[in-house]
Amino acid sequence: MIRAYRLAGVLATCLLVGLAIWLAPLEPGVVALQFAVTPTAFGKIVHAWSPQDLERYRAHLPVDTLLALAYGGFGLGWVRASPWFASMGAGARRVAAGLLPLAALADVAE
C-alpha cells in the first residue's frame, strides 16, 4: 500500500520540476529574487523583467502554494512513518515532524 506521505513526496517533486521549467526563462532568476534581502535588490530584479515575465512569475504562485502543502505533508508523514526516526524520543520526533510543515508555512507567508 502506498502511504499518503509518499504520494505527497511524488507530488512535491513533480511540482518542483514543473515550476523550475516554468520559471527557467526568467532572468534574473527566481533564486536571485529569493535572496534579495532589501527592497532595492528586490526591485532591481522585478524591474528587469518584462510584463510577460512578471505575469509568468505571478502565475506560479498558486502552484507554489500547492508545492508547500505537498512538501509539508511529506515531511510530516515521513518522520511519523519512517524507521529512520524511530530511535528518537517522542519529543524529538514531534519537533522533527514539524520542521517541513513549518518551512512550508514560512514559504507561503513569504
PDB file of N, CA and C in Angstrom:
ATOM      1  N   MET A   1       0.846  -1.187   0.000  1.00  0.00           N
ATOM      2  CA  MET A   1       0.000   0.000   0.000  1.00  0.00           C
ATOM      3  C   MET A   1       0.892   1.251   0.000  1.00  0.00           C
ATOM      4  N   ILE A   2       0.562   2.178  -0.855  1.00  0.00           N
ATOM      5  CA  ILE A   2       1.310   3.438  -0.911  1.00  0.00           C
ATOM      6  C   ILE A   2       0.750   4.373   0.155  1.00  0.00           C
ATOM      7  N   ARG A   3       1.632   4.864   0.984  1.00  0.00           N
ATOM      8  CA  ARG A   3       1.201   5.774   2.033  1.00  0.00           C
ATOM      9  C   ARG A   3       1.021   7.175   1.459  1.00  0.00           C
ATOM     10  N   ALA A   4       0.125   7.926   2.065  1.00  0.00           N
ATOM     11  CA  ALA A   4      -0.198   9.271   1.581  1.00  0.00           C
ATOM     12  C   ALA A   4       1.036  10.165   1.546  1.00  0.00           C
ATOM     13  N   TYR A   5       1.933  10.012   2.502  1.00  0.00           N
ATOM     14  CA  TYR A   5       3.110  10.885   2.517  1.00  0.00           C
ATOM     15  C   TYR A   5       3.995  10.631   1.308  1.00  0.00           C
ATOM     16  N   ARG A   6       4.015   9.394   0.824  1.00  0.00           N
ATOM     17  CA  ARG A   6       4.805   9.098  -0.374  1.00  0.00           C
ATOM     18  C   ARG A   6       4.197   9.784  -1.595  1.00  0.00           C
ATOM     19  N   LEU A   7       2.878   9.757  -1.675  1.00  0.00           N
ATOM     20  CA  LEU A   7       2.208  10.468  -2.771  1.00  0.00           C
ATOM     21  C   LEU A   7       2.479  11.967  -2.678  1.00  0.00           C
ATOM     22  N   ALA A   8       2.489  12.495  -1.462  1.00  0.00           N
ATOM     23  CA  ALA A   8       2.808  13.920  -1.272  1.00  0.00           C
ATOM     24  C   ALA A   8       4.226  14.209  -1.729  1.00  0.00           C
ATOM     25  N   GLY A   9       5.149  13.291  -1.476  1.00  0.00           N
ATOM     26  CA  GLY A   9       6.529  13.462  -1.923  1.00  0.00           C
ATOM     27  C   GLY A   9       6.654  13.448  -3.432  1.00  0.00           C
ATOM     28  N   VAL A  10       5.939  12.525  -4.084  1.00  0.00           N
ATOM     29  CA  VAL A  10       5.947  12.468  -5.550  1.00  0.00           C
ATOM     30  C   VAL A  10       5.329  13.740  -6.118  1.00  0.00           C
ATOM     31  N   LEU A  11       4.208  14.166  -5.535  1.00  0.00           N
ATOM     32  CA  LEU A  11       3.559  15.402  -5.982  1.00  0.00           C
ATOM     33  C   LEU A  11       4.493  16.594  -5.813  1.00  0.00           C
ATOM     34  N   ALA A  12       5.163  16.688  -4.668  1.00  0.00           N
ATOM     35  CA  ALA A  12       6.086  17.799  -4.428  1.00  0.00           C
ATOM     36  C   ALA A  12       7.212  17.793  -5.453  1.00  0.00           C
ATOM     37  N   THR A  13       7.745  16.619  -5.750  1.00  0.00           N
ATOM     38  CA  THR A  13       8.823  16.521  -6.741  1.00  0.00           C
ATOM     39  C   THR A  13       8.345  16.964  -8.114  1.00  0.00           C
ATOM     40  N   CYS A  14       7.181  16.492  -8.519  1.00  0.00           N
ATOM     41  CA  CYS A  14       6.633  16.871  -9.830  1.00  0.00           C
ATOM     42  C   CYS A  14       6.366  18.367  -9.911  1.00  0.00           C
ATOM     43  N   LEU A  15       5.785  18.928  -8.855  1.00  0.00           N
ATOM     44  CA  LEU A  15       5.514  20.368  -8.844  1.00  0.00           C
ATOM     45  C   LEU A  15       6.808  21.166  -8.883  1.00  0.00           C
ATOM     46  N   LEU A  16       7.820  20.726  -8.142  1.00  0.00           N
ATOM     47  CA  LEU A  16       9.104  21.432  -8.136  1.00  0.00           C
ATOM     48  C   LEU A  16       9.745  21.419  -9.517  1.00  0.00           C
ATOM     49  N   VAL A  17       9.735  20.275 -10.166  1.00  0.00           N
ATOM     50  CA  VAL A  17      10.314  20.182 -11.513  1.00  0.00           C
ATOM     51  C   VAL A  17       9.520  21.050 -12.487  1.00  0.00           C
ATOM     52  N   GLY A  18       8.199  20.978 -12.396  1.00  0.00           N
ATOM     53  CA  GLY A  18       7.355  21.785 -13.274  1.00  0.00           C
ATOM     54  C   GLY A  18       7.580  23.275 -13.077  1.00  0.00           C
ATOM     55  N   LEU A  19       7.683  23.704 -11.836  1.00  0.00           N
ATOM     56  CA  LEU A  19       7.925  25.125 -11.565  1.00  0.00           C
ATOM     57  C   LEU A  19       9.310  25.552 -12.032  1.00  0.00           C
ATOM     58  N   ALA A  20      10.285  24.685 -11.872  1.00  0.00           N
ATOM     59  CA  ALA A  20      11.637  25.020 -12.335  1.00  0.00           C
ATOM     60  C   ALA A  20      11.640  25.239 -13.847  1.00  0.00           C
ATOM     61  N   ILE A  21      10.928  24.395 -14.561  1.00  0.00           N
ATOM     62  CA  ILE A  21      10.837  24.538 -16.026  1.00  0.00           C
ATOM     63  C   ILE A  21      10.068  25.810 -16.374  1.00  0.00           C
ATOM     64  N   TRP A  22       8.946  26.044 -15.696  1.00  0.00           N
ATOM     65  CA  TRP A  22       8.102  27.211 -15.962  1.00  0.00           C
ATOM     66  C   TRP A  22       8.842  28.525 -15.705  1.00  0.00           C
ATOM     67  N   LEU A  23       9.642  28.563 -14.639  1.00  0.00           N
ATOM     68  CA  LEU A  23      10.311  29.799 -14.245  1.00  0.00           C
ATOM     69  C   LEU A  23      11.706  29.957 -14.849  1.00  0.00           C
ATOM     70  N   ALA A  24      12.200  28.940 -15.525  1.00  0.00           N
ATOM     71  CA  ALA A  24      13.562  28.983 -16.086  1.00  0.00           C
ATOM     72  C   ALA A  24      13.815  30.167 -17.013  1.00  0.00           C
ATOM     73  N   PRO A  25      12.832  30.617 -17.807  1.00  0.00           N
ATOM     74  CA  PRO A  25      13.114  31.745 -18.703  1.00  0.00           C
ATOM     75  C   PRO A  25      13.372  33.086 -17.995  1.00  0.00           C
ATOM     76  N   LEU A  26      13.007  33.198 -16.729  1.00  0.00           N
ATOM     77  CA  LEU A  26      13.175  34.476 -16.036  1.00  0.00           C
ATOM     78  C   LEU A  26      14.655  34.769 -15.805  1.00  0.00           C
ATOM     79  N   GLU A  27      15.046  35.986 -16.162  1.00  0.00           N
ATOM     80  CA  GLU A  27      16.435  36.409 -15.968  1.00  0.00           C
ATOM     81  C   GLU A  27      16.439  37.846 -15.469  1.00  0.00           C
ATOM     82  N   PRO A  28      16.927  38.147 -14.303  1.00  0.00           N
ATOM     83  CA  PRO A  28      17.490  37.242 -13.310  1.00  0.00           C
ATOM     84  C   PRO A  28      16.446  36.241 -12.819  1.00  0.00           C
ATOM     85  N   GLY A  29      16.925  35.123 -12.346  1.00  0.00           N
ATOM     86  CA  GLY A  29      16.033  34.034 -11.954  1.00  0.00           C
ATOM     87  C   GLY A  29      15.408  34.215 -10.588  1.00  0.00           C
ATOM     88  N   VAL A  30      14.500  33.304 -10.278  1.00  0.00           N
ATOM     89  CA  VAL A  30      13.787  33.385  -9.007  1.00  0.00           C
ATOM     90  C   VAL A  30      14.696  33.098  -7.813  1.00  0.00           C
ATOM     91  N   VAL A  31      15.797  32.390  -8.016  1.00  0.00           N
ATOM     92  CA  VAL A  31      16.727  32.174  -6.905  1.00  0.00           C
ATOM     93  C   VAL A  31      17.325  33.514  -6.476  1.00  0.00           C
ATOM     94  N   ALA A  32      17.658  34.344  -7.445  1.00  0.00           N
ATOM     95  CA  ALA A  32      18.163  35.685  -7.115  1.00  0.00           C
ATOM     96  C   ALA A  32      17.090  36.468  -6.361  1.00  0.00           C
ATOM     97  N   LEU A  33      15.846  36.318  -6.768  1.00  0.00           N
ATOM     98  CA  LEU A  33      14.745  37.005  -6.089  1.00  0.00           C
ATOM     99  C   LEU A  33      14.605  36.500  -4.650  1.00  0.00           C
ATOM    100  N   GLN A  34      14.768  35.194  -4.444  1.00  0.00           N
ATOM    101  CA  GLN A  34      14.672  34.618  -3.104  1.00  0.00           C
ATOM    102  C   GLN A  34      15.734  35.200  -2.167  1.00  0.00           C
ATOM    103  N   PHE A  35      16.891  35.505  -2.721  1.00  0.00           N
ATOM    104  CA  PHE A  35      17.985  36.021  -1.895  1.00  0.00           C
ATOM    105  C   PHE A  35      18.086  37.544  -1.897  1.00  0.00           C
ATOM    106  N   ALA A  36      17.110  38.205  -2.484  1.00  0.00           N
ATOM    107  CA  ALA A  36      17.072  39.672  -2.454  1.00  0.00           C
ATOM    108  C   ALA A  36      16.605  40.089  -1.056  1.00  0.00           C
ATOM    109  N   VAL A  37      17.524  40.585  -0.252  1.00  0.00           N
ATOM    110  CA  VAL A  37      17.204  40.859   1.147  1.00  0.00           C
ATOM    111  C   VAL A  37      16.770  42.299   1.406  1.00  0.00           C
ATOM    112  N   THR A  38      16.885  43.138   0.400  1.00  0.00           N
ATOM    113  CA  THR A  38      16.453  44.523   0.578  1.00  0.00           C
ATOM    114  C   THR A  38      15.391  44.850  -0.466  1.00  0.00           C
ATOM    115  N   PRO A  39      14.541  45.812  -0.191  1.00  0.00           N
ATOM    116  CA  PRO A  39      13.567  46.226  -1.185  1.00  0.00           C
ATOM    117  C   PRO A  39      14.224  46.699  -2.491  1.00  0.00           C
ATOM    118  N   THR A  40      15.383  47.335  -2.374  1.00  0.00           N
ATOM    119  CA  THR A  40      16.090  47.805  -3.572  1.00  0.00           C
ATOM    120  C   THR A  40      16.532  46.638  -4.441  1.00  0.00           C
ATOM    121  N   ALA A  41      17.100  45.616  -3.814  1.00  0.00           N
ATOM    122  CA  ALA A  41      17.545  44.435  -4.564  1.00  0.00           C
ATOM    123  C   ALA A  41      16.354  43.731  -5.210  1.00  0.00           C
ATOM    124  N   PHE A  42      15.258  43.612  -4.466  1.00  0.00           N
ATOM    125  CA  PHE A  42      14.042  43.003  -4.995  1.00  0.00           C
ATOM    126  C   PHE A  42      13.538  43.803  -6.202  1.00  0.00           C
ATOM    127  N   GLY A  43      13.490  45.112  -6.049  1.00  0.00           N
ATOM    128  CA  GLY A  43      13.015  45.979  -7.119  1.00  0.00           C
ATOM    129  C   GLY A  43      13.856  45.894  -8.373  1.00  0.00           C
ATOM    130  N   LYS A  44      15.169  45.805  -8.216  1.00  0.00           N
ATOM    131  CA  LYS A  44      16.047  45.690  -9.387  1.00  0.00           C
ATOM    132  C   LYS A  44      15.729  44.436 -10.190  1.00  0.00           C
ATOM    133  N   ILE A  45      15.411  43.375  -9.502  1.00  0.00           N
ATOM    134  CA  ILE A  45      15.118  42.118 -10.194  1.00  0.00           C
ATOM    135  C   ILE A  45      13.776  42.205 -10.914  1.00  0.00           C
ATOM    136  N   VAL A  46      12.725  42.583 -10.204  1.00  0.00           N
ATOM    137  CA  VAL A  46      11.407  42.584 -10.849  1.00  0.00           C
ATOM    138  C   VAL A  46      11.292  43.665 -11.920  1.00  0.00           C
ATOM    139  N   HIS A  47      12.053  44.752 -11.793  1.00  0.00           N
ATOM    140  CA  HIS A  47      12.020  45.777 -12.831  1.00  0.00           C
ATOM    141  C   HIS A  47      12.831  45.384 -14.065  1.00  0.00           C
ATOM    142  N   ALA A  48      13.681  44.384 -13.916  1.00  0.00           N
ATOM    143  CA  ALA A  48      14.413  43.863 -15.078  1.00  0.00           C
ATOM    144  C   ALA A  48      13.535  42.931 -15.914  1.00  0.00           C
ATOM    145  N   TRP A  49      12.437  42.466 -15.329  1.00  0.00           N
ATOM    146  CA  TRP A  49      11.539  41.551 -16.026  1.00  0.00           C
ATOM    147  C   TRP A  49      10.560  42.315 -16.905  1.00  0.00           C
ATOM    148  N   SER A  50      10.203  41.711 -18.013  1.00  0.00           N
ATOM    149  CA  SER A  50       9.178  42.270 -18.895  1.00  0.00           C
ATOM    150  C   SER A  50       7.802  42.043 -18.268  1.00  0.00           C
ATOM    151  N   PRO A  51       6.759  42.693 -18.786  1.00  0.00           N
ATOM    152  CA  PRO A  51       5.404  42.420 -18.281  1.00  0.00           C
ATOM    153  C   PRO A  51       5.029  40.934 -18.403  1.00  0.00           C
ATOM    154  N   GLN A  52       5.481  40.284 -19.469  1.00  0.00           N
ATOM    155  CA  GLN A  52       5.198  38.854 -19.643  1.00  0.00           C
ATOM    156  C   GLN A  52       5.923  38.025 -18.569  1.00  0.00           C
ATOM    157  N   ASP A  53       7.145  38.444 -18.233  1.00  0.00           N
ATOM    158  CA  ASP A  53       7.895  37.754 -17.183  1.00  0.00           C
ATOM    159  C   ASP A  53       7.199  37.905 -15.829  1.00  0.00           C
ATOM    160  N   LEU A  54       6.721  39.118 -15.556  1.00  0.00           N
ATOM    161  CA  LEU A  54       6.006  39.331 -14.295  1.00  0.00           C
ATOM    162  C   LEU A  54       4.747  38.481 -14.227  1.00  0.00           C
ATOM    163  N   GLU A  55       4.041  38.373 -15.349  1.00  0.00           N
ATOM    164  CA  GLU A  55       2.842  37.530 -15.386  1.00  0.00           C
ATOM    165  C   GLU A  55       3.208  36.061 -15.185  1.00  0.00           C
ATOM    166  N   ARG A  56       4.316  35.642 -15.776  1.00  0.00           N
ATOM    167  CA  ARG A  56       4.795  34.259 -15.588  1.00  0.00           C
ATOM    168  C   ARG A  56       5.080  34.017 -14.098  1.00  0.00           C
ATOM    169  N   TYR A  57       5.749  34.972 -13.464  1.00  0.00           N
ATOM    170  CA  TYR A  57       6.065  34.829 -12.045  1.00  0.00           C
ATOM    171  C   TYR A  57       4.785  34.771 -11.209  1.00  0.00           C
ATOM    172  N   ARG A  58       3.866  35.684 -11.461  1.00  0.00           N
ATOM    173  CA  ARG A  58       2.615  35.713 -10.694  1.00  0.00           C
ATOM    174  C   ARG A  58       1.806  34.433 -10.890  1.00  0.00           C
ATOM    175  N   ALA A  59       1.835  33.899 -12.095  1.00  0.00           N
ATOM    176  CA  ALA A  59       1.063  32.687 -12.394  1.00  0.00           C
ATOM    177  C   ALA A  59       1.570  31.472 -11.619  1.00  0.00           C
ATOM    178  N   HIS A  60       2.824  31.500 -11.189  1.00  0.00           N
ATOM    179  CA  HIS A  60       3.370  30.343 -10.480  1.00  0.00           C
ATOM    180  C   HIS A  60       2.956  30.298  -9.008  1.00  0.00           C
ATOM    181  N   LEU A  61       2.470  31.397  -8.469  1.00  0.00           N
ATOM    182  CA  LEU A  61       2.225  31.474  -7.029  1.00  0.00           C
ATOM    183  C   LEU A  61       1.197  30.458  -6.517  1.00  0.00           C
ATOM    184  N   PRO A  62       0.061  30.229  -7.180  1.00  0.00           N
ATOM    185  CA  PRO A  62      -0.850  29.189  -6.675  1.00  0.00           C
ATOM    186  C   PRO A  62      -0.209  27.795  -6.673  1.00  0.00           C
ATOM    187  N   VAL A  63       0.577  27.500  -7.689  1.00  0.00           N
ATOM    188  CA  VAL A  63       1.242  26.197  -7.756  1.00  0.00           C
ATOM    189  C   VAL A  63       2.302  26.110  -6.663  1.00  0.00           C
ATOM    190  N   ASP A  64       2.966  27.221  -6.384  1.00  0.00           N
ATOM    191  CA  ASP A  64       3.966  27.246  -5.312  1.00  0.00           C
ATOM    192  C   ASP A  64       3.314  26.943  -3.964  1.00  0.00           C
ATOM    193  N   THR A  65       2.094  27.409  -3.768  1.00  0.00           N
ATOM    194  CA  THR A  65       1.365  27.105  -2.539  1.00  0.00           C
ATOM    195  C   THR A  65       1.061  25.614  -2.450  1.00  0.00           C
ATOM    196  N   LEU A  66       0.648  25.022  -3.570  1.00  0.00           N
ATOM    197  CA  LEU A  66       0.423  23.572  -3.586  1.00  0.00           C
ATOM    198  C   LEU A  66       1.709  22.809  -3.290  1.00  0.00           C
ATOM    199  N   LEU A  67       2.828  23.294  -3.834  1.00  0.00           N
ATOM    200  CA  LEU A  67       4.123  22.674  -3.562  1.00  0.00           C
ATOM    201  C   LEU A  67       4.415  22.705  -2.062  1.00  0.00           C
ATOM    202  N   ALA A  68       4.185  23.833  -1.428  1.00  0.00           N
ATOM    203  CA  ALA A  68       4.442  23.943   0.010  1.00  0.00           C
ATOM    204  C   ALA A  68       3.568  22.971   0.799  1.00  0.00           C
ATOM    205  N   LEU A  69       2.303  22.860   0.434  1.00  0.00           N
ATOM    206  CA  LEU A  69       1.418  21.907   1.110  1.00  0.00           C
ATOM    207  C   LEU A  69       1.912  20.480   0.913  1.00  0.00           C
ATOM    208  N   ALA A  70       2.363  20.175  -0.299  1.00  0.00           N
ATOM    209  CA  ALA A  70       2.831  18.821  -0.593  1.00  0.00           C
ATOM    210  C   ALA A  70       4.104  18.490   0.176  1.00  0.00           C
ATOM    211  N   TYR A  71       5.096  19.391   0.172  1.00  0.00           N
ATOM    212  CA  TYR A  71       6.331  19.032   0.872  1.00  0.00           C
ATOM    213  C   TYR A  71       6.156  19.094   2.388  1.00  0.00           C
ATOM    214  N   GLY A  72       5.263  19.947   2.857  1.00  0.00           N
ATOM    215  CA  GLY A  72       4.968  19.952   4.288  1.00  0.00           C
ATOM    216  C   GLY A  72       4.308  18.654   4.725  1.00  0.00           C
ATOM    217  N   GLY A  73       3.350  18.188   3.941  1.00  0.00           N
ATOM    218  CA  GLY A  73       2.698  16.908   4.236  1.00  0.00           C
ATOM    219  C   GLY A  73       3.653  15.739   4.133  1.00  0.00           C
ATOM    220  N   PHE A  74       4.539  15.798   3.151  1.00  0.00           N
ATOM    221  CA  PHE A  74       5.529  14.743   3.011  1.00  0.00           C
ATOM    222  C   PHE A  74       6.424  14.678   4.245  1.00  0.00           C
ATOM    223  N   GLY A  75       6.934  15.812   4.670  1.00  0.00           N
ATOM    224  CA  GLY A  75       7.828  15.833   5.821  1.00  0.00           C
ATOM    225  C   GLY A  75       7.164  15.304   7.079  1.00  0.00           C
ATOM    226  N   LEU A  76       5.940  15.725   7.313  1.00  0.00           N
ATOM    227  CA  LEU A  76       5.204  15.266   8.481  1.00  0.00           C
ATOM    228  C   LEU A  76       5.007  13.753   8.443  1.00  0.00           C
ATOM    229  N   GLY A  77       4.536  13.256   7.312  1.00  0.00           N
ATOM    230  CA  GLY A  77       4.292  11.824   7.185  1.00  0.00           C
ATOM    231  C   GLY A  77       5.554  10.993   7.206  1.00  0.00           C
ATOM    232  N   TRP A  78       6.601  11.500   6.589  1.00  0.00           N
ATOM    233  CA  TRP A  78       7.860  10.757   6.520  1.00  0.00           C
ATOM    234  C   TRP A  78       8.447  10.551   7.915  1.00  0.00           C
ATOM    235  N   VAL A  79       8.458  11.592   8.720  1.00  0.00           N
ATOM    236  CA  VAL A  79       9.006  11.458  10.071  1.00  0.00           C
ATOM    237  C   VAL A  79       8.151  10.491  10.892  1.00  0.00           C
ATOM    238  N   ARG A  80       6.857  10.556  10.736  1.00  0.00           N
ATOM    239  CA  ARG A  80       5.975   9.671  11.508  1.00  0.00           C
ATOM    240  C   ARG A  80       6.091   8.210  11.081  1.00  0.00           C
ATOM    241  N   ALA A  81       6.304   7.958   9.788  1.00  0.00           N
ATOM    242  CA  ALA A  81       6.279   6.586   9.280  1.00  0.00           C
ATOM    243  C   ALA A  81       7.652   5.958   9.088  1.00  0.00           C
ATOM    244  N   SER A  82       8.674   6.762   8.960  1.00  0.00           N
ATOM    245  CA  SER A  82       9.991   6.245   8.616  1.00  0.00           C
ATOM    246  C   SER A  82      10.694   5.623   9.814  1.00  0.00           C
ATOM    247  N   PRO A  83      11.333   4.477   9.619  1.00  0.00           N
ATOM    248  CA  PRO A  83      12.106   3.883  10.709  1.00  0.00           C
ATOM    249  C   PRO A  83      13.353   4.705  11.061  1.00  0.00           C
ATOM    250  N   TRP A  84      13.746   5.629  10.202  1.00  0.00           N
ATOM    251  CA  TRP A  84      14.924   6.462  10.469  1.00  0.00           C
ATOM    252  C   TRP A  84      14.761   7.279  11.748  1.00  0.00           C
ATOM    253  N   PHE A  85      13.532   7.599  12.073  1.00  0.00           N
ATOM    254  CA  PHE A  85      13.265   8.454  13.233  1.00  0.00           C
ATOM    255  C   PHE A  85      12.767   7.668  14.438  1.00  0.00           C
ATOM    256  N   ALA A  86      12.663   6.349  14.309  1.00  0.00           N
ATOM    257  CA  ALA A  86      12.100   5.518  15.377  1.00  0.00           C
ATOM    258  C   ALA A  86      12.933   5.561  16.653  1.00  0.00           C
ATOM    259  N   SER A  87      14.228   5.742  16.525  1.00  0.00           N
ATOM    260  CA  SER A  87      15.079   5.729  17.717  1.00  0.00           C
ATOM    261  C   SER A  87      15.049   7.052  18.482  1.00  0.00           C
ATOM    262  N   MET A  88      14.441   8.056  17.909  1.00  0.00           N
ATOM    263  CA  MET A  88      14.359   9.356  18.575  1.00  0.00           C
ATOM    264  C   MET A  88      13.284   9.306  19.659  1.00  0.00           C
ATOM    265  N   GLY A  89      13.440  10.122  20.657  1.00  0.00           N
ATOM    266  CA  GLY A  89      12.407  10.248  21.668  1.00  0.00           C
ATOM    267  C   GLY A  89      11.156  10.892  21.078  1.00  0.00           C
ATOM    268  N   ALA A  90      10.063  10.755  21.777  1.00  0.00           N
ATOM    269  CA  ALA A  90       8.785  11.283  21.265  1.00  0.00           C
ATOM    270  C   ALA A  90       8.843  12.786  21.031  1.00  0.00           C
ATOM    271  N   GLY A  91       9.472  13.516  21.935  1.00  0.00           N
ATOM    272  CA  GLY A  91       9.571  14.968  21.781  1.00  0.00           C
ATOM    273  C   GLY A  91      10.402  15.354  20.574  1.00  0.00           C
ATOM    274  N   ALA A  92      11.517  14.677  20.391  1.00  0.00           N
ATOM    275  CA  ALA A  92      12.379  14.958  19.238  1.00  0.00           C
ATOM    276  C   ALA A  92      11.669  14.604  17.934  1.00  0.00           C
ATOM    277  N   ARG A  93      10.891  13.525  17.943  1.00  0.00           N
ATOM    278  CA  ARG A  93      10.127  13.156  16.736  1.00  0.00           C
ATOM    279  C   ARG A  93       9.079  14.211  16.416  1.00  0.00           C
ATOM    280  N   ARG A  94       8.430  14.742  17.447  1.00  0.00           N
ATOM    281  CA  ARG A  94       7.433  15.801  17.208  1.00  0.00           C
ATOM    282  C   ARG A  94       8.092  17.032  16.595  1.00  0.00           C
ATOM    283  N   VAL A  95       9.251  17.393  17.114  1.00  0.00           N
ATOM    284  CA  VAL A  95       9.976  18.545  16.565  1.00  0.00           C
ATOM    285  C   VAL A  95      10.370  18.263  15.116  1.00  0.00           C
ATOM    286  N   ALA A  96      10.956  17.091  14.868  1.00  0.00           N
ATOM    287  CA  ALA A  96      11.372  16.738  13.509  1.00  0.00           C
ATOM    288  C   ALA A  96      10.175  16.702  12.561  1.00  0.00           C
ATOM    289  N   ALA A  97       9.058  16.166  13.035  1.00  0.00           N
ATOM    290  CA  ALA A  97       7.862  16.081  12.189  1.00  0.00           C
ATOM    291  C   ALA A  97       7.329  17.458  11.826  1.00  0.00           C
ATOM    292  N   GLY A  98       7.561  18.439  12.675  1.00  0.00           N
ATOM    293  CA  GLY A  98       7.044  19.778  12.415  1.00  0.00           C
ATOM    294  C   GLY A  98       7.937  20.656  11.565  1.00  0.00           C
ATOM    295  N   LEU A  99       9.172  20.218  11.295  1.00  0.00           N
ATOM    296  CA  LEU A  99      10.113  21.105  10.602  1.00  0.00           C
ATOM    297  C   LEU A  99       9.706  21.420   9.161  1.00  0.00           C
ATOM    298  N   LEU A 100       9.379  20.425   8.351  1.00  0.00           N
ATOM    299  CA  LEU A 100       8.988  20.735   6.965  1.00  0.00           C
ATOM    300  C   LEU A 100       7.635  21.447   6.902  1.00  0.00           C
ATOM    301  N   PRO A 101       6.632  21.058   7.703  1.00  0.00           N
ATOM    302  CA  PRO A 101       5.412  21.878   7.698  1.00  0.00           C
ATOM    303  C   PRO A 101       5.667  23.326   8.122  1.00  0.00           C
ATOM    304  N   LEU A 102       6.567  23.533   9.068  1.00  0.00           N
ATOM    305  CA  LEU A 102       6.913  24.894   9.479  1.00  0.00           C
ATOM    306  C   LEU A 102       7.603  25.641   8.337  1.00  0.00           C
ATOM    307  N   ALA A 103       8.502  24.964   7.648  1.00  0.00           N
ATOM    308  CA  ALA A 103       9.171  25.579   6.483  1.00  0.00           C
ATOM    309  C   ALA A 103       8.144  25.912   5.396  1.00  0.00           C
ATOM    310  N   ALA A 104       7.179  25.020   5.201  1.00  0.00           N
ATOM    311  CA  ALA A 104       6.138  25.274   4.198  1.00  0.00           C
ATOM    312  C   ALA A 104       5.300  26.492   4.578  1.00  0.00           C
ATOM    313  N   LEU A 105       4.971  26.606   5.851  1.00  0.00           N
ATOM    314  CA  LEU A 105       4.215  27.765   6.321  1.00  0.00           C
ATOM    315  C   LEU A 105       5.003  29.051   6.103  1.00  0.00           C
ATOM    316  N   ALA A 106       6.288  29.018   6.397  1.00  0.00           N
ATOM    317  CA  ALA A 106       7.137  30.194   6.184  1.00  0.00           C
ATOM    318  C   ALA A 106       7.226  30.531   4.692  1.00  0.00           C
ATOM    319  N   ASP A 107       7.291  29.508   3.854  1.00  0.00           N
ATOM    320  CA  ASP A 107       7.360  29.712   2.408  1.00  0.00           C
ATOM    321  C   ASP A 107       6.090  30.399   1.904  1.00  0.00           C
ATOM    322  N   VAL A 108       4.943  29.941   2.363  1.00  0.00           N
ATOM    323  CA  VAL A 108       3.683  30.545   1.929  1.00  0.00           C
ATOM    324  C   VAL A 108       3.549  31.965   2.480  1.00  0.00           C
ATOM    325  N   ALA A 109       3.982  32.178   3.727  1.00  0.00           N
ATOM    326  CA  ALA A 109       3.892  33.516   4.325  1.00  0.00           C
ATOM    327  C   ALA A 109       4.804  34.510   3.627  1.00  0.00           C
ATOM    328  N   GLU A 110       5.886  34.017   3.072  1.00  0.00           N
ATOM    329  CA  GLU A 110       6.849  34.886   2.400  1.00  0.00           C
ATOM    330  C   GLU A 110       6.188  35.507   1.197  1.00  0.00           C
TER     331      GLU A 110
END
